[in-house]
């Protein structure tokens, strides 16, 4: 599967995390972004590999940062519902499922 998309919330979460990490240390936001890219590639390569959370939504956990990529597998693409911090507002993405189009 090669196509993917993001919910508006997931895009905002990526930007917020990049800004936060860059504030902590110059260049750390870029490292976070690179790890998100690795996660996206892994999900696209093996979409069924990671566990189901709720209602066919799955989560890939980043290796270095305490974030997970919550996604849903569609017929033609993967839809990322959230780039969530694993210890803050864990269910914040649930309302985003309405944005998902197969």
PDB file of N, CA and C in Angstrom:
ATOM      1  N   UNK A   1       0.855  -1.169   0.000  1.00  0.00           N
ATOM      2  CA  UNK A   1       0.000   0.000   0.000  1.00  0.00           C
ATOM      3  C   UNK A   1       0.901   1.232   0.000  1.00  0.00           C
ATOM      4  N   UNK A   2       0.619   2.167  -0.880  1.00  0.00           N
ATOM      5  CA  UNK A   2       1.508   3.316  -0.994  1.00  0.00           C
ATOM      6  C   UNK A   2       0.867   4.636  -0.604  1.00  0.00           C
ATOM      7  N   UNK A   3      -0.453   4.719  -0.618  1.00  0.00           N
ATOM      8  CA  UNK A   3      -1.092   5.991  -0.320  1.00  0.00           C
ATOM      9  C   UNK A   3      -1.393   6.159   1.159  1.00  0.00           C
ATOM     10  N   UNK A   4      -1.365   7.403   1.602  1.00  0.00           N
ATOM     11  CA  UNK A   4      -1.730   7.685   2.983  1.00  0.00           C
ATOM     12  C   UNK A   4      -2.189   9.132   3.119  1.00  0.00           C
ATOM     13  N   UNK A   5      -2.870   9.395   4.228  1.00  0.00           N
ATOM     14  CA  UNK A   5      -3.330  10.739   4.537  1.00  0.00           C
ATOM     15  C   UNK A   5      -3.337  10.945   6.032  1.00  0.00           C
ATOM     16  N   UNK A   6      -3.527  12.195   6.450  1.00  0.00           N
ATOM     17  CA  UNK A   6      -3.550  12.554   7.865  1.00  0.00           C
ATOM     18  C   UNK A   6      -4.831  13.292   8.206  1.00  0.00           C
ATOM     19  N   UNK A   7      -5.320  13.081   9.417  1.00  0.00           N
ATOM     20  CA  UNK A   7      -6.400  13.921   9.917  1.00  0.00           C
ATOM     21  C   UNK A   7      -5.805  15.303  10.213  1.00  0.00           C
ATOM     22  N   UNK A   8      -6.665  16.304  10.295  1.00  0.00           N
ATOM     23  CA  UNK A   8      -6.190  17.652  10.636  1.00  0.00           C
ATOM     24  C   UNK A   8      -5.500  17.637  11.997  1.00  0.00           C
ATOM     25  N   UNK A   9      -6.063  16.893  12.924  1.00  0.00           N
ATOM     26  CA  UNK A   9      -5.479  16.804  14.257  1.00  0.00           C
ATOM     27  C   UNK A   9      -4.101  16.180  14.254  1.00  0.00           C
ATOM     28  N   UNK A  10      -3.905  15.138  13.445  1.00  0.00           N
ATOM     29  CA  UNK A  10      -2.597  14.480  13.375  1.00  0.00           C
ATOM     30  C   UNK A  10      -1.547  15.435  12.813  1.00  0.00           C
ATOM     31  N   UNK A  11      -1.912  16.200  11.794  1.00  0.00           N
ATOM     32  CA  UNK A  11      -0.973  17.189  11.237  1.00  0.00           C
ATOM     33  C   UNK A  11      -0.576  18.218  12.301  1.00  0.00           C
ATOM     34  N   UNK A  12      -1.561  18.686  13.059  1.00  0.00           N
ATOM     35  CA  UNK A  12      -1.291  19.664  14.113  1.00  0.00           C
ATOM     36  C   UNK A  12      -0.396  19.068  15.195  1.00  0.00           C
ATOM     37  N   UNK A  13      -0.631  17.813  15.540  1.00  0.00           N
ATOM     38  CA  UNK A  13       0.180  17.161  16.568  1.00  0.00           C
ATOM     39  C   UNK A  13       1.635  17.023  16.138  1.00  0.00           C
ATOM     40  N   UNK A  14       1.859  16.725  14.878  1.00  0.00           N
ATOM     41  CA  UNK A  14       3.239  16.639  14.382  1.00  0.00           C
ATOM     42  C   UNK A  14       3.918  17.996  14.517  1.00  0.00           C
ATOM     43  N   UNK A  15       3.241  19.044  14.067  1.00  0.00           N
ATOM     44  CA  UNK A  15       3.822  20.392  14.126  1.00  0.00           C
ATOM     45  C   UNK A  15       4.087  20.824  15.564  1.00  0.00           C
ATOM     46  N   UNK A  16       3.144  20.540  16.456  1.00  0.00           N
ATOM     47  CA  UNK A  16       3.318  20.898  17.866  1.00  0.00           C
ATOM     48  C   UNK A  16       4.510  20.170  18.481  1.00  0.00           C
ATOM     49  N   UNK A  17       4.639  18.885  18.191  1.00  0.00           N
ATOM     50  CA  UNK A  17       5.742  18.096  18.749  1.00  0.00           C
ATOM     51  C   UNK A  17       7.084  18.573  18.192  1.00  0.00           C
ATOM     52  N   UNK A  18       7.134  18.876  16.900  1.00  0.00           N
ATOM     53  CA  UNK A  18       8.378  19.379  16.306  1.00  0.00           C
ATOM     54  C   UNK A  18       8.774  20.688  16.979  1.00  0.00           C
ATOM     55  N   UNK A  19       7.825  21.597  17.164  1.00  0.00           N
ATOM     56  CA  UNK A  19       8.110  22.881  17.817  1.00  0.00           C
ATOM     57  C   UNK A  19       8.580  22.664  19.250  1.00  0.00           C
ATOM     58  N   UNK A  20       7.917  21.772  19.971  1.00  0.00           N
ATOM     59  CA  UNK A  20       8.293  21.487  21.349  1.00  0.00           C
ATOM     60  C   UNK A  20       9.726  20.953  21.425  1.00  0.00           C
ATOM     61  N   UNK A  21      10.035  19.962  20.600  1.00  0.00           N
ATOM     62  CA  UNK A  21      11.371  19.367  20.652  1.00  0.00           C
ATOM     63  C   UNK A  21      12.444  20.341  20.182  1.00  0.00           C
ATOM     64  N   UNK A  22      12.142  21.174  19.208  1.00  0.00           N
ATOM     65  CA  UNK A  22      13.118  22.189  18.793  1.00  0.00           C
ATOM     66  C   UNK A  22      13.370  23.203  19.898  1.00  0.00           C
ATOM     67  N   UNK A  23      12.347  23.470  20.699  1.00  0.00           N
ATOM     68  CA  UNK A  23      12.502  24.387  21.839  1.00  0.00           C
ATOM     69  C   UNK A  23      13.405  23.752  22.910  1.00  0.00           C
ATOM     70  N   UNK A  24      13.310  22.434  23.044  1.00  0.00           N
ATOM     71  CA  UNK A  24      14.126  21.727  24.026  1.00  0.00           C
ATOM     72  C   UNK A  24      15.600  21.689  23.617  1.00  0.00           C
ATOM     73  N   UNK A  25      15.827  21.477  22.316  1.00  0.00           N
ATOM     74  CA  UNK A  25      17.198  21.360  21.797  1.00  0.00           C
ATOM     75  C   UNK A  25      17.152  21.580  20.292  1.00  0.00           C
ATOM     76  N   UNK A  26      18.023  22.440  19.809  1.00  0.00           N
ATOM     77  CA  UNK A  26      18.065  22.718  18.365  1.00  0.00           C
ATOM     78  C   UNK A  26      18.268  21.421  17.584  1.00  0.00           C
ATOM     79  N   UNK A  27      17.411  21.192  16.596  1.00  0.00           N
ATOM     80  CA  UNK A  27      17.524  20.009  15.740  1.00  0.00           C
ATOM     81  C   UNK A  27      16.769  18.790  16.229  1.00  0.00           C
ATOM     82  N   UNK A  28      16.313  18.814  17.490  1.00  0.00           N
ATOM     83  CA  UNK A  28      15.615  17.649  18.016  1.00  0.00           C
ATOM     84  C   UNK A  28      14.256  17.456  17.327  1.00  0.00           C
ATOM     85  N   UNK A  29      13.620  18.556  16.936  1.00  0.00           N
ATOM     86  CA  UNK A  29      12.368  18.460  16.200  1.00  0.00           C
ATOM     87  C   UNK A  29      12.551  17.759  14.860  1.00  0.00           C
ATOM     88  N   UNK A  30      13.672  18.028  14.226  1.00  0.00           N
ATOM     89  CA  UNK A  30      13.969  17.364  12.948  1.00  0.00           C
ATOM     90  C   UNK A  30      14.169  15.860  13.159  1.00  0.00           C
ATOM     91  N   UNK A  31      14.785  15.502  14.280  1.00  0.00           N
ATOM     92  CA  UNK A  31      14.973  14.085  14.601  1.00  0.00           C
ATOM     93  C   UNK A  31      13.623  13.411  14.862  1.00  0.00           C
ATOM     94  N   UNK A  32      12.742  14.124  15.547  1.00  0.00           N
ATOM     95  CA  UNK A  32      11.389  13.599  15.778  1.00  0.00           C
ATOM     96  C   UNK A  32      10.675  13.387  14.442  1.00  0.00           C
ATOM     97  N   UNK A  33      10.744  14.393  13.576  1.00  0.00           N
ATOM     98  CA  UNK A  33      10.103  14.301  12.263  1.00  0.00           C
ATOM     99  C   UNK A  33      10.643  13.120  11.461  1.00  0.00           C
ATOM    100  N   UNK A  34      11.942  12.911  11.528  1.00  0.00           N
ATOM    101  CA  UNK A  34      12.556  11.785  10.813  1.00  0.00           C
ATOM    102  C   UNK A  34      12.047  10.457  11.357  1.00  0.00           C
ATOM    103  N   UNK A  35      11.857  10.383  12.680  1.00  0.00           N
ATOM    104  CA  UNK A  35      11.353   9.140  13.255  1.00  0.00           C
ATOM    105  C   UNK A  35       9.891   8.901  12.868  1.00  0.00           C
ATOM    106  N   UNK A  36       9.111   9.975  12.785  1.00  0.00           N
ATOM    107  CA  UNK A  36       7.729   9.845  12.309  1.00  0.00           C
ATOM    108  C   UNK A  36       7.741   9.313  10.871  1.00  0.00           C
ATOM    109  N   UNK A  37       8.636   9.817  10.050  1.00  0.00           N
ATOM    110  CA  UNK A  37       8.745   9.343   8.664  1.00  0.00           C
ATOM    111  C   UNK A  37       9.083   7.859   8.606  1.00  0.00           C
ATOM    112  N   UNK A  38       9.981   7.417   9.473  1.00  0.00           N
ATOM    113  CA  UNK A  38      10.323   5.987   9.541  1.00  0.00           C
ATOM    114  C   UNK A  38       9.082   5.182   9.922  1.00  0.00           C
ATOM    115  N   UNK A  39       8.332   5.691  10.899  1.00  0.00           N
ATOM    116  CA  UNK A  39       7.109   5.012  11.311  1.00  0.00           C
ATOM    117  C   UNK A  39       6.097   4.907  10.186  1.00  0.00           C
ATOM    118  N   UNK A  40       5.923   5.988   9.456  1.00  0.00           N
ATOM    119  CA  UNK A  40       4.997   5.980   8.316  1.00  0.00           C
ATOM    120  C   UNK A  40       5.432   4.921   7.309  1.00  0.00           C
ATOM    121  N   UNK A  41       6.727   4.891   6.998  1.00  0.00           N
ATOM    122  CA  UNK A  41       7.241   3.893   6.053  1.00  0.00           C
ATOM    123  C   UNK A  41       6.989   2.472   6.551  1.00  0.00           C
ATOM    124  N   UNK A  42       7.209   2.243   7.842  1.00  0.00           N
ATOM    125  CA  UNK A  42       6.983   0.913   8.412  1.00  0.00           C
ATOM    126  C   UNK A  42       5.509   0.512   8.311  1.00  0.00           C
ATOM    127  N   UNK A  43       4.631   1.447   8.641  1.00  0.00           N
ATOM    128  CA  UNK A  43       3.187   1.164   8.568  1.00  0.00           C
ATOM    129  C   UNK A  43       2.777   0.872   7.128  1.00  0.00           C
ATOM    130  N   UNK A  44       3.282   1.652   6.187  1.00  0.00           N
ATOM    131  CA  UNK A  44       2.932   1.418   4.784  1.00  0.00           C
ATOM    132  C   UNK A  44       3.444   0.065   4.299  1.00  0.00           C
ATOM    133  N   UNK A  45       4.607  -0.334   4.787  1.00  0.00           N
ATOM    134  CA  UNK A  45       5.191  -1.600   4.366  1.00  0.00           C
ATOM    135  C   UNK A  45       4.485  -2.806   4.985  1.00  0.00           C
ATOM    136  N   UNK A  46       4.097  -2.677   6.258  1.00  0.00           N
ATOM    137  CA  UNK A  46       3.485  -3.786   7.001  1.00  0.00           C
ATOM    138  C   UNK A  46       2.284  -3.285   7.805  1.00  0.00           C
ATOM    139  N   UNK A  47       1.216  -2.880   7.163  1.00  0.00           N
ATOM    140  CA  UNK A  47       0.104  -2.228   7.879  1.00  0.00           C
ATOM    141  C   UNK A  47      -0.579  -3.086   8.940  1.00  0.00           C
ATOM    142  N   UNK A  48      -0.568  -4.401   8.804  1.00  0.00           N
ATOM    143  CA  UNK A  48      -1.269  -5.278   9.744  1.00  0.00           C
ATOM    144  C   UNK A  48      -0.370  -5.738  10.893  1.00  0.00           C
ATOM    145  N   UNK A  49       0.849  -5.278  10.917  1.00  0.00           N
ATOM    146  CA  UNK A  49       1.829  -5.756  11.897  1.00  0.00           C
ATOM    147  C   UNK A  49       1.573  -5.252  13.318  1.00  0.00           C
ATOM    148  N   UNK A  50       1.027  -4.079  13.466  1.00  0.00           N
ATOM    149  CA  UNK A  50       0.868  -3.473  14.798  1.00  0.00           C
ATOM    150  C   UNK A  50      -0.513  -3.717  15.352  1.00  0.00           C
ATOM    151  N   UNK A  51      -0.622  -3.706  16.696  1.00  0.00           N
ATOM    152  CA  UNK A  51      -1.871  -4.124  17.340  1.00  0.00           C
ATOM    153  C   UNK A  51      -3.053  -3.186  17.118  1.00  0.00           C
ATOM    154  N   UNK A  52      -4.224  -3.810  17.131  1.00  0.00           N
ATOM    155  CA  UNK A  52      -5.481  -3.061  17.047  1.00  0.00           C
ATOM    156  C   UNK A  52      -5.756  -2.471  18.430  1.00  0.00           C
ATOM    157  N   UNK A  53      -6.105  -1.191  18.452  1.00  0.00           N
ATOM    158  CA  UNK A  53      -6.484  -0.528  19.713  1.00  0.00           C
ATOM    159  C   UNK A  53      -7.981  -0.669  19.931  1.00  0.00           C
ATOM    160  N   UNK A  54      -8.750  -0.026  19.036  1.00  0.00           N
ATOM    161  CA  UNK A  54     -10.212  -0.015  19.109  1.00  0.00           C
ATOM    162  C   UNK A  54     -10.762   0.096  17.693  1.00  0.00           C
ATOM    163  N   UNK A  55     -11.784  -0.676  17.380  1.00  0.00           N
ATOM    164  CA  UNK A  55     -12.510  -0.549  16.114  1.00  0.00           C
ATOM    165  C   UNK A  55     -11.607  -0.481  14.880  1.00  0.00           C
ATOM    166  N   UNK A  56     -10.715  -1.412  14.746  1.00  0.00           N
ATOM    167  CA  UNK A  56      -9.821  -1.513  13.587  1.00  0.00           C
ATOM    168  C   UNK A  56      -8.802  -0.380  13.476  1.00  0.00           C
ATOM    169  N   UNK A  57      -8.610   0.389  14.511  1.00  0.00           N
ATOM    170  CA  UNK A  57      -7.559   1.400  14.545  1.00  0.00           C
ATOM    171  C   UNK A  57      -6.334   0.762  15.190  1.00  0.00           C
ATOM    172  N   UNK A  58      -5.196   0.973  14.585  1.00  0.00           N
ATOM    173  CA  UNK A  58      -3.951   0.371  15.048  1.00  0.00           C
ATOM    174  C   UNK A  58      -2.979   1.443  15.512  1.00  0.00           C
ATOM    175  N   UNK A  59      -1.938   1.008  16.258  1.00  0.00           N
ATOM    176  CA  UNK A  59      -0.949   1.964  16.728  1.00  0.00           C
ATOM    177  C   UNK A  59       0.462   1.450  16.514  1.00  0.00           C
ATOM    178  N   UNK A  60       1.258   2.288  15.850  1.00  0.00           N
ATOM    179  CA  UNK A  60       2.697   2.061  15.720  1.00  0.00           C
ATOM    180  C   UNK A  60       3.359   2.949  16.767  1.00  0.00           C
ATOM    181  N   UNK A  61       4.240   2.397  17.550  1.00  0.00           N
ATOM    182  CA  UNK A  61       4.927   3.160  18.596  1.00  0.00           C
ATOM    183  C   UNK A  61       6.312   3.579  18.108  1.00  0.00           C
ATOM    184  N   UNK A  62       6.592   4.888  18.207  1.00  0.00           N
ATOM    185  CA  UNK A  62       7.915   5.378  17.828  1.00  0.00           C
ATOM    186  C   UNK A  62       8.957   4.784  18.772  1.00  0.00           C
ATOM    187  N   UNK A  63      10.164   4.614  18.277  1.00  0.00           N
ATOM    188  CA  UNK A  63      11.220   3.980  19.065  1.00  0.00           C
ATOM    189  C   UNK A  63      11.827   4.923  20.100  1.00  0.00           C
ATOM    190  N   UNK A  64      12.158   6.128  19.699  1.00  0.00           N
ATOM    191  CA  UNK A  64      12.916   7.042  20.556  1.00  0.00           C
ATOM    192  C   UNK A  64      12.049   8.024  21.336  1.00  0.00           C
ATOM    193  N   UNK A  65      10.934   8.389  20.805  1.00  0.00           N
ATOM    194  CA  UNK A  65      10.067   9.400  21.402  1.00  0.00           C
ATOM    195  C   UNK A  65       8.795   8.743  21.933  1.00  0.00           C
ATOM    196  N   UNK A  66       8.186   9.307  22.996  1.00  0.00           N
ATOM    197  CA  UNK A  66       6.992   8.680  23.587  1.00  0.00           C
ATOM    198  C   UNK A  66       5.705   9.005  22.820  1.00  0.00           C
ATOM    199  N   UNK A  67       5.691   8.655  21.546  1.00  0.00           N
ATOM    200  CA  UNK A  67       4.557   8.936  20.669  1.00  0.00           C
ATOM    201  C   UNK A  67       4.164   7.679  19.915  1.00  0.00           C
ATOM    202  N   UNK A  68       2.894   7.641  19.533  1.00  0.00           N
ATOM    203  CA  UNK A  68       2.392   6.566  18.702  1.00  0.00           C
ATOM    204  C   UNK A  68       1.661   7.141  17.502  1.00  0.00           C
ATOM    205  N   UNK A  69       1.706   6.426  16.409  1.00  0.00           N
ATOM    206  CA  UNK A  69       0.955   6.781  15.205  1.00  0.00           C
ATOM    207  C   UNK A  69      -0.300   5.915  15.198  1.00  0.00           C
ATOM    208  N   UNK A  70      -1.453   6.532  15.367  1.00  0.00           N
ATOM    209  CA  UNK A  70      -2.721   5.797  15.338  1.00  0.00           C
ATOM    210  C   UNK A  70      -3.235   5.870  13.910  1.00  0.00           C
ATOM    211  N   UNK A  71      -3.542   4.712  13.331  1.00  0.00           N
ATOM    212  CA  UNK A  71      -3.939   4.683  11.925  1.00  0.00           C
ATOM    213  C   UNK A  71      -5.026   3.656  11.673  1.00  0.00           C
ATOM    214  N   UNK A  72      -5.650   3.821  10.525  1.00  0.00           N
ATOM    215  CA  UNK A  72      -6.681   2.895  10.060  1.00  0.00           C
ATOM    216  C   UNK A  72      -6.340   2.489   8.630  1.00  0.00           C
ATOM    217  N   UNK A  73      -6.552   1.230   8.325  1.00  0.00           N
ATOM    218  CA  UNK A  73      -6.253   0.698   6.999  1.00  0.00           C
ATOM    219  C   UNK A  73      -7.507   0.783   6.137  1.00  0.00           C
ATOM    220  N   UNK A  74      -7.387   1.474   5.018  1.00  0.00           N
ATOM    221  CA  UNK A  74      -8.484   1.550   4.070  1.00  0.00           C
ATOM    222  C   UNK A  74      -8.224   0.643   2.880  1.00  0.00           C
ATOM    223  N   UNK A  75      -9.123   0.661   1.921  1.00  0.00           N
ATOM    224  CA  UNK A  75      -8.947  -0.164   0.719  1.00  0.00           C
ATOM    225  C   UNK A  75      -7.766   0.295  -0.110  1.00  0.00           C
ATOM    226  N   UNK A  76      -7.572   1.607  -0.187  1.00  0.00           N
ATOM    227  CA  UNK A  76      -6.531   2.138  -1.069  1.00  0.00           C
ATOM    228  C   UNK A  76      -5.432   2.907  -0.360  1.00  0.00           C
ATOM    229  N   UNK A  77      -5.658   3.233   0.917  1.00  0.00           N
ATOM    230  CA  UNK A  77      -4.644   4.008   1.621  1.00  0.00           C
ATOM    231  C   UNK A  77      -4.739   3.806   3.125  1.00  0.00           C
ATOM    232  N   UNK A  78      -3.705   4.272   3.793  1.00  0.00           N
ATOM    233  CA  UNK A  78      -3.645   4.293   5.253  1.00  0.00           C
ATOM    234  C   UNK A  78      -4.010   5.709   5.682  1.00  0.00           C
ATOM    235  N   UNK A  79      -4.829   5.817   6.717  1.00  0.00           N
ATOM    236  CA  UNK A  79      -5.217   7.128   7.225  1.00  0.00           C
ATOM    237  C   UNK A  79      -4.718   7.260   8.665  1.00  0.00           C
ATOM    238  N   UNK A  80      -3.848   8.237   8.911  1.00  0.00           N
ATOM    239  CA  UNK A  80      -3.298   8.477  10.242  1.00  0.00           C
ATOM    240  C   UNK A  80      -4.242   9.417  10.999  1.00  0.00           C
ATOM    241  N   UNK A  81      -4.838   8.893  12.056  1.00  0.00           N
ATOM    242  CA  UNK A  81      -5.787   9.640  12.864  1.00  0.00           C
ATOM    243  C   UNK A  81      -5.083  10.536  13.874  1.00  0.00           C
ATOM    244  N   UNK A  82      -3.927  10.083  14.390  1.00  0.00           N
ATOM    245  CA  UNK A  82      -3.247  10.836  15.442  1.00  0.00           C
ATOM    246  C   UNK A  82      -1.766  10.526  15.474  1.00  0.00           C
ATOM    247  N   UNK A  83      -1.024  11.511  15.928  1.00  0.00           N
ATOM    248  CA  UNK A  83       0.373  11.351  16.314  1.00  0.00           C
ATOM    249  C   UNK A  83       0.347  11.745  17.787  1.00  0.00           C
ATOM    250  N   UNK A  84       0.057  10.758  18.627  1.00  0.00           N
ATOM    251  CA  UNK A  84      -0.276  11.070  20.013  1.00  0.00           C
ATOM    252  C   UNK A  84       0.847  10.789  20.979  1.00  0.00           C
ATOM    253  N   UNK A  85       0.949  11.673  21.963  1.00  0.00           N
ATOM    254  CA  UNK A  85       1.862  11.436  23.081  1.00  0.00           C
ATOM    255  C   UNK A  85       1.249  10.298  23.878  1.00  0.00           C
ATOM    256  N   UNK A  86       2.036   9.323  24.251  1.00  0.00           N
ATOM    257  CA  UNK A  86       1.495   8.115  24.870  1.00  0.00           C
ATOM    258  C   UNK A  86       1.026   8.311  26.309  1.00  0.00           C
ATOM    259  N   UNK A  87       1.391   9.437  26.930  1.00  0.00           N
ATOM    260  CA  UNK A  87       0.985   9.651  28.320  1.00  0.00           C
ATOM    261  C   UNK A  87       0.033  10.835  28.489  1.00  0.00           C
ATOM    262  N   UNK A  88      -0.340  11.485  27.389  1.00  0.00           N
ATOM    263  CA  UNK A  88      -1.260  12.623  27.463  1.00  0.00           C
ATOM    264  C   UNK A  88      -2.475  12.355  26.589  1.00  0.00           C
ATOM    265  N   UNK A  89      -3.639  12.624  27.072  1.00  0.00           N
ATOM    266  CA  UNK A  89      -4.898  12.510  26.325  1.00  0.00           C
ATOM    267  C   UNK A  89      -4.927  11.314  25.372  1.00  0.00           C
ATOM    268  N   UNK A  90      -4.826  10.112  25.885  1.00  0.00           N
ATOM    269  CA  UNK A  90      -4.711   8.942  25.007  1.00  0.00           C
ATOM    270  C   UNK A  90      -5.873   8.706  24.055  1.00  0.00           C
ATOM    271  N   UNK A  91      -7.073   9.165  24.368  1.00  0.00           N
ATOM    272  CA  UNK A  91      -8.213   8.917  23.486  1.00  0.00           C
ATOM    273  C   UNK A  91      -8.615  10.100  22.635  1.00  0.00           C
ATOM    274  N   UNK A  92      -7.762  11.117  22.556  1.00  0.00           N
ATOM    275  CA  UNK A  92      -8.120  12.363  21.859  1.00  0.00           C
ATOM    276  C   UNK A  92      -8.449  12.153  20.382  1.00  0.00           C
ATOM    277  N   UNK A  93      -7.978  11.104  19.796  1.00  0.00           N
ATOM    278  CA  UNK A  93      -8.124  10.868  18.367  1.00  0.00           C
ATOM    279  C   UNK A  93      -9.460  10.225  17.994  1.00  0.00           C
ATOM    280  N   UNK A  94     -10.205   9.735  18.936  1.00  0.00           N
ATOM    281  CA  UNK A  94     -11.409   8.948  18.614  1.00  0.00           C
ATOM    282  C   UNK A  94     -12.432   9.693  17.776  1.00  0.00           C
ATOM    283  N   UNK A  95     -12.591  10.983  17.962  1.00  0.00           N
ATOM    284  CA  UNK A  95     -13.539  11.752  17.172  1.00  0.00           C
ATOM    285  C   UNK A  95     -13.086  12.007  15.748  1.00  0.00           C
ATOM    286  N   UNK A  96     -11.852  11.693  15.447  1.00  0.00           N
ATOM    287  CA  UNK A  96     -11.296  11.950  14.111  1.00  0.00           C
ATOM    288  C   UNK A  96     -11.640  10.874  13.100  1.00  0.00           C
ATOM    289  N   UNK A  97     -12.240   9.814  13.526  1.00  0.00           N
ATOM    290  CA  UNK A  97     -12.556   8.719  12.613  1.00  0.00           C
ATOM    291  C   UNK A  97     -13.515   9.154  11.514  1.00  0.00           C
ATOM    292  N   UNK A  98     -14.294  10.200  11.773  1.00  0.00           N
ATOM    293  CA  UNK A  98     -15.238  10.698  10.771  1.00  0.00           C
ATOM    294  C   UNK A  98     -14.517  11.263   9.556  1.00  0.00           C
ATOM    295  N   UNK A  99     -13.263  11.680   9.715  1.00  0.00           N
ATOM    296  CA  UNK A  99     -12.492  12.223   8.585  1.00  0.00           C
ATOM    297  C   UNK A  99     -12.001  11.129   7.652  1.00  0.00           C
ATOM    298  N   UNK A 100     -12.039   9.897   8.116  1.00  0.00           N
ATOM    299  CA  UNK A 100     -11.505   8.766   7.358  1.00  0.00           C
ATOM    300  C   UNK A 100     -12.378   8.454   6.145  1.00  0.00           C
ATOM    301  N   UNK A 101     -11.748   8.391   5.017  1.00  0.00           N
ATOM    302  CA  UNK A 101     -12.399   7.989   3.760  1.00  0.00           C
ATOM    303  C   UNK A 101     -11.573   6.836   3.184  1.00  0.00           C
ATOM    304  N   UNK A 102     -12.230   5.750   2.845  1.00  0.00           N
ATOM    305  CA  UNK A 102     -11.499   4.589   2.351  1.00  0.00           C
ATOM    306  C   UNK A 102     -10.909   4.782   1.034  1.00  0.00           C
TER     307      UNK A 102
END
